[in-house]
Amino acid sequence: MRRATFARVALVGAVVATLAAGCAAPPTEASRASGSGAIAQAAAGPGVAVAPSSGGVRVAIVGDSLTAGGGRLLSAGLTADTWMTYAQGDGIDYVGGYAKGGSTVQEQAAAVRPVADVDVLVLMSGTNDVRLGLSFAESAASYDAIVDTIRPEHVVVAAIPPYDRAPRAAARYEGQLERYVADKGWTFTDPWGFARAGDVFAAGTTVDGIHPTTAGYEALGHALRDAVLDVAGPRAVAPQADSPADPADGAPGTTS
């Protein structure tokens, strides 16, 4: 009887432990992220995500597949086709955001969640609005809504790339977006110079007339990194306590 009692107690304990694990809060979008550059985030109040920082410029990003890296969610992690892969580090901390392949600015405004202490928001969207025939006038308020949700110190709005399927409509949307950004006092940047041949993609820079090649994503990342540092200014990153800088490597906080 004593052995049976002990067995029953052990079984009840195991069930309780299992139920407790099943009731734990689900991970946030950013904590589910995996792959190069993924940032684990924890909740800091309702819907507010915070990410660890190296002391660099804290950058959040919002957009469509051109930001997520193909027809996917940014929360799946950074890849070779995600521009932030090439922009982060050495003074820039990627701290989260929202991007989904195929999404419009309106969809992004509805889905994005606050991120704490953002120095620079990089917002690049509009291609899918053009694809669906939405005018900039229909989209403008959604840019405001995204900025109001993230509440960054600085806003960088990036031009959309050429759109080979409707180049004139994309160029018209682009011109209206640039004027809107200027009126708002935000920063507008066109990181797509390497890919433009008039209103269409230059030969060899796109895989489908919508998205750049992997080399193009890398060029895009470097261009947007420069835009972020121009707006926020570079910050020296102190060496980690467990990895003291080697005097032979040069000034502390710098990398080759």
C-alpha atoms as a PDB file:
ATOM      1  CA  MET A   1       0.000   0.000   0.000  1.00  0.00           C
ATOM      2  CA  ARG A   2       2.800   2.356   0.850  1.00  0.00           C
ATOM      3  CA  ARG A   3       4.441   1.782  -2.547  1.00  0.00           C
ATOM      4  CA  ALA A   4       1.097   2.378  -4.291  1.00  0.00           C
ATOM      5  CA  THR A   5       0.604   5.622  -2.360  1.00  0.00           C
ATOM      6  CA  PHE A   6       4.044   6.860  -3.344  1.00  0.00           C
ATOM      7  CA  ALA A   7       3.359   5.970  -6.981  1.00  0.00           C
ATOM      8  CA  ARG A   8       0.078   7.897  -6.932  1.00  0.00           C
ATOM      9  CA  VAL A   9       1.794  10.935  -5.409  1.00  0.00           C
ATOM     10  CA  ALA A  10       4.507  10.854  -8.065  1.00  0.00           C
ATOM     11  CA  LEU A  11       1.906  10.563 -10.822  1.00  0.00           C
ATOM     12  CA  VAL A  12      -0.089  13.535  -9.495  1.00  0.00           C
ATOM     13  CA  GLY A  13       3.093  15.601  -9.253  1.00  0.00           C
ATOM     14  CA  ALA A  14       3.999  14.830 -12.849  1.00  0.00           C
ATOM     15  CA  VAL A  15       0.521  15.794 -14.074  1.00  0.00           C
ATOM     16  CA  VAL A  16       0.625  19.085 -12.143  1.00  0.00           C
ATOM     17  CA  ALA A  17       4.039  19.912 -13.590  1.00  0.00           C
ATOM     18  CA  THR A  18       2.817  19.148 -17.108  1.00  0.00           C
ATOM     19  CA  LEU A  19      -0.266  21.338 -16.715  1.00  0.00           C
ATOM     20  CA  ALA A  20       1.836  24.194 -15.335  1.00  0.00           C
ATOM     21  CA  ALA A  21       4.138  24.037 -18.335  1.00  0.00           C
ATOM     22  CA  GLY A  22       1.172  23.996 -20.709  1.00  0.00           C
ATOM     23  CA  CYS A  23      -0.300  27.111 -19.109  1.00  0.00           C
ATOM     24  CA  ALA A  24       2.895  29.157 -19.411  1.00  0.00           C
ATOM     25  CA  ALA A  25       2.570  32.336 -21.468  1.00  0.00           C
ATOM     26  CA  PRO A  26       3.409  31.773 -25.152  1.00  0.00           C
ATOM     27  CA  PRO A  27       6.635  33.347 -26.407  1.00  0.00           C
ATOM     28  CA  THR A  28       6.470  36.774 -28.002  1.00  0.00           C
ATOM     29  CA  GLU A  29       6.961  37.120 -31.749  1.00  0.00           C
ATOM     30  CA  ALA A  30      10.587  38.097 -31.297  1.00  0.00           C
ATOM     31  CA  SER A  31      11.379  35.351 -28.792  1.00  0.00           C
ATOM     32  CA  ARG A  32      10.206  32.769 -31.320  1.00  0.00           C
ATOM     33  CA  ALA A  33      12.674  34.142 -33.836  1.00  0.00           C
ATOM     34  CA  SER A  34      15.616  31.987 -34.769  1.00  0.00           C
ATOM     35  CA  GLY A  35      18.552  32.196 -37.114  1.00  0.00           C
ATOM     36  CA  SER A  36      21.238  34.791 -37.639  1.00  0.00           C
ATOM     37  CA  GLY A  37      20.650  37.968 -35.687  1.00  0.00           C
ATOM     38  CA  ALA A  38      17.483  36.855 -33.892  1.00  0.00           C
ATOM     39  CA  ILE A  39      16.766  38.864 -30.761  1.00  0.00           C
ATOM     40  CA  ALA A  40      15.051  37.321 -27.738  1.00  0.00           C
ATOM     41  CA  GLN A  41      12.534  39.771 -26.317  1.00  0.00           C
ATOM     42  CA  ALA A  42      10.619  39.850 -23.039  1.00  0.00           C
ATOM     43  CA  ALA A  43       7.380  41.620 -22.199  1.00  0.00           C
ATOM     44  CA  ALA A  44       7.714  44.920 -20.364  1.00  0.00           C
ATOM     45  CA  GLY A  45       4.116  45.850 -19.828  1.00  0.00           C
ATOM     46  CA  PRO A  46       1.234  44.994 -22.161  1.00  0.00           C
ATOM     47  CA  GLY A  47       2.464  44.468 -25.700  1.00  0.00           C
ATOM     48  CA  VAL A  48       5.805  46.206 -25.186  1.00  0.00           C
ATOM     49  CA  ALA A  49       8.906  44.277 -26.194  1.00  0.00           C
ATOM     50  CA  VAL A  50      12.386  44.977 -24.936  1.00  0.00           C
ATOM     51  CA  ALA A  51      15.588  43.593 -26.389  1.00  0.00           C
ATOM     52  CA  PRO A  52      19.071  43.406 -24.929  1.00  0.00           C
ATOM     53  CA  SER A  53      21.410  46.106 -26.165  1.00  0.00           C
ATOM     54  CA  SER A  54      25.143  46.351 -26.718  1.00  0.00           C
ATOM     55  CA  GLY A  55      24.910  50.113 -26.296  1.00  0.00           C
ATOM     56  CA  GLY A  56      24.514  50.832 -29.980  1.00  0.00           C
ATOM     57  CA  VAL A  57      21.708  52.592 -31.851  1.00  0.00           C
ATOM     58  CA  ARG A  58      18.489  50.662 -31.153  1.00  0.00           C
ATOM     59  CA  VAL A  59      16.756  50.031 -34.479  1.00  0.00           C
ATOM     60  CA  ALA A  60      13.264  48.633 -35.113  1.00  0.00           C
ATOM     61  CA  ILE A  61      12.117  47.715 -38.611  1.00  0.00           C
ATOM     62  CA  VAL A  62       8.693  47.447 -40.246  1.00  0.00           C
ATOM     63  CA  GLY A  63       7.811  46.402 -43.766  1.00  0.00           C
ATOM     64  CA  ASP A  64       6.795  43.676 -46.176  1.00  0.00           C
ATOM     65  CA  SER A  65       8.781  40.865 -47.839  1.00  0.00           C
ATOM     66  CA  LEU A  66      11.551  43.310 -48.729  1.00  0.00           C
ATOM     67  CA  THR A  67      12.186  43.631 -44.983  1.00  0.00           C
ATOM     68  CA  ALA A  68      11.206  40.126 -43.831  1.00  0.00           C
ATOM     69  CA  GLY A  69      13.329  38.455 -46.492  1.00  0.00           C
ATOM     70  CA  GLY A  70      10.872  36.896 -48.942  1.00  0.00           C
ATOM     71  CA  GLY A  71       7.306  35.651 -48.457  1.00  0.00           C
ATOM     72  CA  ARG A  72       7.673  35.052 -44.748  1.00  0.00           C
ATOM     73  CA  LEU A  73       7.439  36.648 -41.319  1.00  0.00           C
ATOM     74  CA  LEU A  74      10.303  38.630 -39.828  1.00  0.00           C
ATOM     75  CA  SER A  75       9.723  36.669 -36.620  1.00  0.00           C
ATOM     76  CA  ALA A  76      11.119  33.574 -38.366  1.00  0.00           C
ATOM     77  CA  GLY A  77      14.564  35.171 -37.982  1.00  0.00           C
ATOM     78  CA  LEU A  78      17.054  37.020 -40.113  1.00  0.00           C
ATOM     79  CA  THR A  79      18.439  35.314 -43.216  1.00  0.00           C
ATOM     80  CA  ALA A  80      20.784  36.080 -46.110  1.00  0.00           C
ATOM     81  CA  ASP A  81      17.789  37.759 -47.780  1.00  0.00           C
ATOM     82  CA  THR A  82      16.989  40.072 -44.850  1.00  0.00           C
ATOM     83  CA  TRP A  83      18.678  43.445 -45.135  1.00  0.00           C
ATOM     84  CA  MET A  84      19.013  43.842 -41.365  1.00  0.00           C
ATOM     85  CA  THR A  85      21.429  40.897 -41.393  1.00  0.00           C
ATOM     86  CA  TYR A  86      23.965  43.222 -43.012  1.00  0.00           C
ATOM     87  CA  ALA A  87      23.023  46.398 -41.133  1.00  0.00           C
ATOM     88  CA  GLN A  88      23.234  45.202 -37.541  1.00  0.00           C
ATOM     89  CA  GLY A  89      26.300  45.063 -35.273  1.00  0.00           C
ATOM     90  CA  ASP A  90      29.195  47.469 -34.749  1.00  0.00           C
ATOM     91  CA  GLY A  91      27.021  50.184 -33.236  1.00  0.00           C
ATOM     92  CA  ILE A  92      23.570  49.100 -34.427  1.00  0.00           C
ATOM     93  CA  ASP A  93      21.315  46.902 -32.275  1.00  0.00           C
ATOM     94  CA  TYR A  94      18.370  45.255 -34.013  1.00  0.00           C
ATOM     95  CA  VAL A  95      15.571  45.313 -31.423  1.00  0.00           C
ATOM     96  CA  GLY A  96      12.546  43.949 -33.291  1.00  0.00           C
ATOM     97  CA  GLY A  97       9.580  45.150 -35.275  1.00  0.00           C
ATOM     98  CA  TYR A  98       7.206  43.562 -37.752  1.00  0.00           C
ATOM     99  CA  ALA A  99       7.374  42.500 -41.380  1.00  0.00           C
ATOM    100  CA  LYS A 100       5.361  40.034 -43.423  1.00  0.00           C
ATOM    101  CA  GLY A 101       5.621  39.017 -47.034  1.00  0.00           C
ATOM    102  CA  GLY A 102       2.721  40.301 -49.132  1.00  0.00           C
ATOM    103  CA  SER A 103       1.477  42.739 -46.499  1.00  0.00           C
ATOM    104  CA  THR A 104       0.253  46.271 -47.122  1.00  0.00           C
ATOM    105  CA  VAL A 105       1.057  49.283 -44.965  1.00  0.00           C
ATOM    106  CA  GLN A 106      -2.451  49.002 -43.516  1.00  0.00           C
ATOM    107  CA  GLU A 107      -1.866  45.386 -42.476  1.00  0.00           C
ATOM    108  CA  GLN A 108       1.457  46.287 -40.896  1.00  0.00           C
ATOM    109  CA  ALA A 109      -0.122  49.129 -38.941  1.00  0.00           C
ATOM    110  CA  ALA A 110      -2.715  46.714 -37.553  1.00  0.00           C
ATOM    111  CA  ALA A 111      -0.180  44.025 -36.625  1.00  0.00           C
ATOM    112  CA  VAL A 112       2.849  45.916 -35.299  1.00  0.00           C
ATOM    113  CA  ARG A 113       3.350  46.075 -31.536  1.00  0.00           C
ATOM    114  CA  PRO A 114       5.278  48.579 -29.393  1.00  0.00           C
ATOM    115  CA  VAL A 115       9.005  48.121 -28.890  1.00  0.00           C
ATOM    116  CA  ALA A 116      10.708  49.869 -25.991  1.00  0.00           C
ATOM    117  CA  ASP A 117      13.365  52.565 -26.342  1.00  0.00           C
ATOM    118  CA  VAL A 118      13.734  52.648 -30.117  1.00  0.00           C
ATOM    119  CA  ASP A 119      16.266  55.166 -31.382  1.00  0.00           C
ATOM    120  CA  VAL A 120      15.480  54.712 -35.087  1.00  0.00           C
ATOM    121  CA  LEU A 121      12.535  53.124 -36.859  1.00  0.00           C
ATOM    122  CA  VAL A 122      13.216  52.079 -40.445  1.00  0.00           C
ATOM    123  CA  LEU A 123       9.924  51.784 -42.305  1.00  0.00           C
ATOM    124  CA  MET A 124       9.925  50.482 -45.875  1.00  0.00           C
ATOM    125  CA  SER A 125       6.592  49.567 -47.388  1.00  0.00           C
ATOM    126  CA  GLY A 126       4.237  50.329 -50.236  1.00  0.00           C
ATOM    127  CA  THR A 127       4.988  47.799 -52.961  1.00  0.00           C
ATOM    128  CA  ASN A 128       1.970  45.681 -52.050  1.00  0.00           C
ATOM    129  CA  ASP A 129      -0.234  48.764 -51.899  1.00  0.00           C
ATOM    130  CA  VAL A 130       0.786  49.440 -55.502  1.00  0.00           C
ATOM    131  CA  ARG A 131       0.212  45.782 -56.396  1.00  0.00           C
ATOM    132  CA  LEU A 132      -3.329  45.931 -55.042  1.00  0.00           C
ATOM    133  CA  GLY A 133      -4.111  49.286 -56.632  1.00  0.00           C
ATOM    134  CA  LEU A 134      -4.246  51.232 -53.355  1.00  0.00           C
ATOM    135  CA  SER A 135      -3.435  54.917 -53.648  1.00  0.00           C
ATOM    136  CA  PHE A 136      -0.986  56.648 -51.360  1.00  0.00           C
ATOM    137  CA  ALA A 137      -3.882  58.688 -49.974  1.00  0.00           C
ATOM    138  CA  GLU A 138      -5.435  55.438 -48.765  1.00  0.00           C
ATOM    139  CA  SER A 139      -2.155  54.376 -47.149  1.00  0.00           C
ATOM    140  CA  ALA A 140      -0.831  57.595 -45.628  1.00  0.00           C
ATOM    141  CA  ALA A 141      -2.550  57.292 -42.243  1.00  0.00           C
ATOM    142  CA  SER A 142      -1.051  53.832 -41.765  1.00  0.00           C
ATOM    143  CA  TYR A 143       2.474  55.255 -41.848  1.00  0.00           C
ATOM    144  CA  ASP A 144       1.450  57.549 -38.996  1.00  0.00           C
ATOM    145  CA  ALA A 145      -0.108  54.643 -37.087  1.00  0.00           C
ATOM    146  CA  ILE A 146       3.094  52.577 -37.295  1.00  0.00           C
ATOM    147  CA  VAL A 147       5.198  55.487 -36.036  1.00  0.00           C
ATOM    148  CA  ASP A 148       2.702  56.140 -33.228  1.00  0.00           C
ATOM    149  CA  THR A 149       2.932  52.489 -32.152  1.00  0.00           C
ATOM    150  CA  ILE A 150       6.736  52.250 -32.136  1.00  0.00           C
ATOM    151  CA  ARG A 151       7.331  55.826 -30.877  1.00  0.00           C
ATOM    152  CA  PRO A 152      10.969  56.051 -31.995  1.00  0.00           C
ATOM    153  CA  GLU A 153      13.250  59.008 -31.496  1.00  0.00           C
ATOM    154  CA  HIS A 154      13.924  59.149 -35.252  1.00  0.00           C
ATOM    155  CA  VAL A 155      11.999  57.853 -38.267  1.00  0.00           C
ATOM    156  CA  VAL A 156      13.662  56.763 -41.498  1.00  0.00           C
ATOM    157  CA  VAL A 157      11.273  55.974 -44.344  1.00  0.00           C
ATOM    158  CA  ALA A 158      12.926  54.101 -47.172  1.00  0.00           C
ATOM    159  CA  ALA A 159      11.882  54.312 -50.793  1.00  0.00           C
ATOM    160  CA  ILE A 160      10.244  51.243 -52.267  1.00  0.00           C
ATOM    161  CA  PRO A 161      12.226  49.530 -55.028  1.00  0.00           C
ATOM    162  CA  PRO A 162      11.324  49.566 -58.708  1.00  0.00           C
ATOM    163  CA  TYR A 163       8.244  47.469 -59.450  1.00  0.00           C
ATOM    164  CA  ASP A 164       8.527  45.987 -62.897  1.00  0.00           C
ATOM    165  CA  ARG A 165       4.857  44.988 -63.073  1.00  0.00           C
ATOM    166  CA  ALA A 166       3.578  48.551 -62.624  1.00  0.00           C
ATOM    167  CA  PRO A 167       6.574  50.893 -62.813  1.00  0.00           C
ATOM    168  CA  ARG A 168       4.621  54.129 -63.349  1.00  0.00           C
ATOM    169  CA  ALA A 169       2.244  53.447 -60.451  1.00  0.00           C
ATOM    170  CA  ALA A 170       5.197  52.635 -58.180  1.00  0.00           C
ATOM    171  CA  ALA A 171       7.007  55.821 -59.190  1.00  0.00           C
ATOM    172  CA  ARG A 172       3.861  57.895 -58.556  1.00  0.00           C
ATOM    173  CA  TYR A 173       3.378  56.319 -55.103  1.00  0.00           C
ATOM    174  CA  GLU A 174       7.047  56.925 -54.385  1.00  0.00           C
ATOM    175  CA  GLY A 175       6.867  60.622 -55.199  1.00  0.00           C
ATOM    176  CA  GLN A 176       3.842  61.119 -52.954  1.00  0.00           C
ATOM    177  CA  LEU A 177       5.502  59.170 -50.143  1.00  0.00           C
ATOM    178  CA  GLU A 178       8.635  61.309 -50.317  1.00  0.00           C
ATOM    179  CA  ARG A 179       6.620  64.535 -50.084  1.00  0.00           C
ATOM    180  CA  TYR A 180       4.606  63.155 -47.171  1.00  0.00           C
ATOM    181  CA  VAL A 181       7.765  62.201 -45.262  1.00  0.00           C
ATOM    182  CA  ALA A 182       9.198  65.684 -45.770  1.00  0.00           C
ATOM    183  CA  ASP A 183       5.998  67.265 -44.445  1.00  0.00           C
ATOM    184  CA  LYS A 184       6.207  65.040 -41.354  1.00  0.00           C
ATOM    185  CA  GLY A 185       9.791  66.004 -40.636  1.00  0.00           C
ATOM    186  CA  TRP A 186      10.955  62.401 -40.953  1.00  0.00           C
ATOM    187  CA  THR A 187      13.990  61.278 -42.950  1.00  0.00           C
ATOM    188  CA  PHE A 188      13.495  59.886 -46.453  1.00  0.00           C
ATOM    189  CA  THR A 189      16.203  57.757 -48.043  1.00  0.00           C
ATOM    190  CA  ASP A 190      16.453  55.852 -51.304  1.00  0.00           C
ATOM    191  CA  PRO A 191      18.680  52.804 -50.729  1.00  0.00           C
ATOM    192  CA  TRP A 192      17.841  51.332 -54.147  1.00  0.00           C
ATOM    193  CA  GLY A 193      20.225  53.316 -56.317  1.00  0.00           C
ATOM    194  CA  PHE A 194      22.175  50.153 -57.158  1.00  0.00           C
ATOM    195  CA  ALA A 195      19.008  48.533 -58.533  1.00  0.00           C
ATOM    196  CA  ARG A 196      17.393  51.312 -60.549  1.00  0.00           C
ATOM    197  CA  ALA A 197      17.335  51.620 -64.295  1.00  0.00           C
ATOM    198  CA  GLY A 198      14.768  54.368 -64.620  1.00  0.00           C
ATOM    199  CA  ASP A 199      11.512  53.044 -63.182  1.00  0.00           C
ATOM    200  CA  VAL A 200      12.466  49.356 -63.434  1.00  0.00           C
ATOM    201  CA  PHE A 201      15.106  47.085 -61.948  1.00  0.00           C
ATOM    202  CA  ALA A 202      18.559  47.165 -63.507  1.00  0.00           C
ATOM    203  CA  ALA A 203      19.611  43.956 -65.204  1.00  0.00           C
ATOM    204  CA  GLY A 204      21.004  41.383 -62.781  1.00  0.00           C
ATOM    205  CA  THR A 205      19.708  43.053 -59.623  1.00  0.00           C
ATOM    206  CA  THR A 206      16.363  41.252 -59.225  1.00  0.00           C
ATOM    207  CA  VAL A 207      15.063  37.713 -59.122  1.00  0.00           C
ATOM    208  CA  ASP A 208      11.485  38.509 -60.155  1.00  0.00           C
ATOM    209  CA  GLY A 209      11.046  42.222 -60.826  1.00  0.00           C
ATOM    210  CA  ILE A 210       9.917  42.741 -57.225  1.00  0.00           C
ATOM    211  CA  HIS A 211      12.704  41.471 -54.960  1.00  0.00           C
ATOM    212  CA  PRO A 212      16.459  41.988 -55.240  1.00  0.00           C
ATOM    213  CA  THR A 213      19.042  39.238 -55.385  1.00  0.00           C
ATOM    214  CA  THR A 214      20.835  38.177 -52.208  1.00  0.00           C
ATOM    215  CA  ALA A 215      23.683  40.497 -53.184  1.00  0.00           C
ATOM    216  CA  GLY A 216      21.060  43.217 -53.538  1.00  0.00           C
ATOM    217  CA  TYR A 217      19.793  42.627 -50.004  1.00  0.00           C
ATOM    218  CA  GLU A 218      23.356  43.011 -48.785  1.00  0.00           C
ATOM    219  CA  ALA A 219      23.755  46.313 -50.658  1.00  0.00           C
ATOM    220  CA  LEU A 220      20.394  47.415 -49.259  1.00  0.00           C
ATOM    221  CA  GLY A 221      21.519  46.581 -45.725  1.00  0.00           C
ATOM    222  CA  HIS A 222      24.700  48.607 -46.042  1.00  0.00           C
ATOM    223  CA  ALA A 223      22.795  51.585 -47.469  1.00  0.00           C
ATOM    224  CA  LEU A 224      20.180  51.537 -44.707  1.00  0.00           C
ATOM    225  CA  ARG A 225      22.876  51.119 -42.071  1.00  0.00           C
ATOM    226  CA  ASP A 226      24.487  54.323 -43.354  1.00  0.00           C
ATOM    227  CA  ALA A 227      21.114  56.090 -43.253  1.00  0.00           C
ATOM    228  CA  VAL A 228      20.538  55.028 -39.631  1.00  0.00           C
ATOM    229  CA  LEU A 229      23.972  56.182 -38.508  1.00  0.00           C
ATOM    230  CA  ASP A 230      23.540  59.474 -40.356  1.00  0.00           C
ATOM    231  CA  VAL A 231      20.322  60.120 -38.436  1.00  0.00           C
ATOM    232  CA  ALA A 232      21.285  58.834 -34.987  1.00  0.00           C
ATOM    233  CA  GLY A 233      25.057  59.076 -35.067  1.00  0.00           C
ATOM    234  CA  PRO A 234      27.358  56.125 -34.388  1.00  0.00           C
ATOM    235  CA  ARG A 235      27.837  55.036 -30.808  1.00  0.00           C
ATOM    236  CA  ALA A 236      30.979  53.480 -29.381  1.00  0.00           C
ATOM    237  CA  VAL A 237      30.241  49.995 -28.116  1.00  0.00           C
ATOM    238  CA  ALA A 238      32.116  49.089 -24.930  1.00  0.00           C
ATOM    239  CA  PRO A 239      33.905  45.694 -24.957  1.00  0.00           C
ATOM    240  CA  GLN A 240      32.165  42.914 -23.058  1.00  0.00           C
ATOM    241  CA  ALA A 241      33.322  42.378 -19.472  1.00  0.00           C
ATOM    242  CA  ASP A 242      34.289  38.770 -20.181  1.00  0.00           C
ATOM    243  CA  SER A 243      36.083  39.676 -23.417  1.00  0.00           C
ATOM    244  CA  PRO A 244      38.538  42.498 -22.658  1.00  0.00           C
ATOM    245  CA  ALA A 245      39.843  44.329 -25.667  1.00  0.00           C
ATOM    246  CA  ASP A 246      43.306  43.365 -26.783  1.00  0.00           C
ATOM    247  CA  PRO A 247      45.479  46.528 -26.972  1.00  0.00           C
ATOM    248  CA  ALA A 248      46.941  45.114 -30.184  1.00  0.00           C
ATOM    249  CA  ASP A 249      43.514  45.263 -31.781  1.00  0.00           C
ATOM    250  CA  GLY A 250      43.348  49.051 -31.666  1.00  0.00           C
ATOM    251  CA  ALA A 251      40.889  51.340 -29.918  1.00  0.00           C
ATOM    252  CA  PRO A 252      38.308  49.727 -27.596  1.00  0.00           C
ATOM    253  CA  GLY A 253      34.944  49.016 -29.134  1.00  0.00           C
ATOM    254  CA  THR A 254      36.155  48.959 -32.732  1.00  0.00           C
ATOM    255  CA  THR A 255      36.358  45.989 -35.080  1.00  0.00           C
ATOM    256  CA  SER A 256      38.193  45.435 -38.304  1.00  0.00           C
END
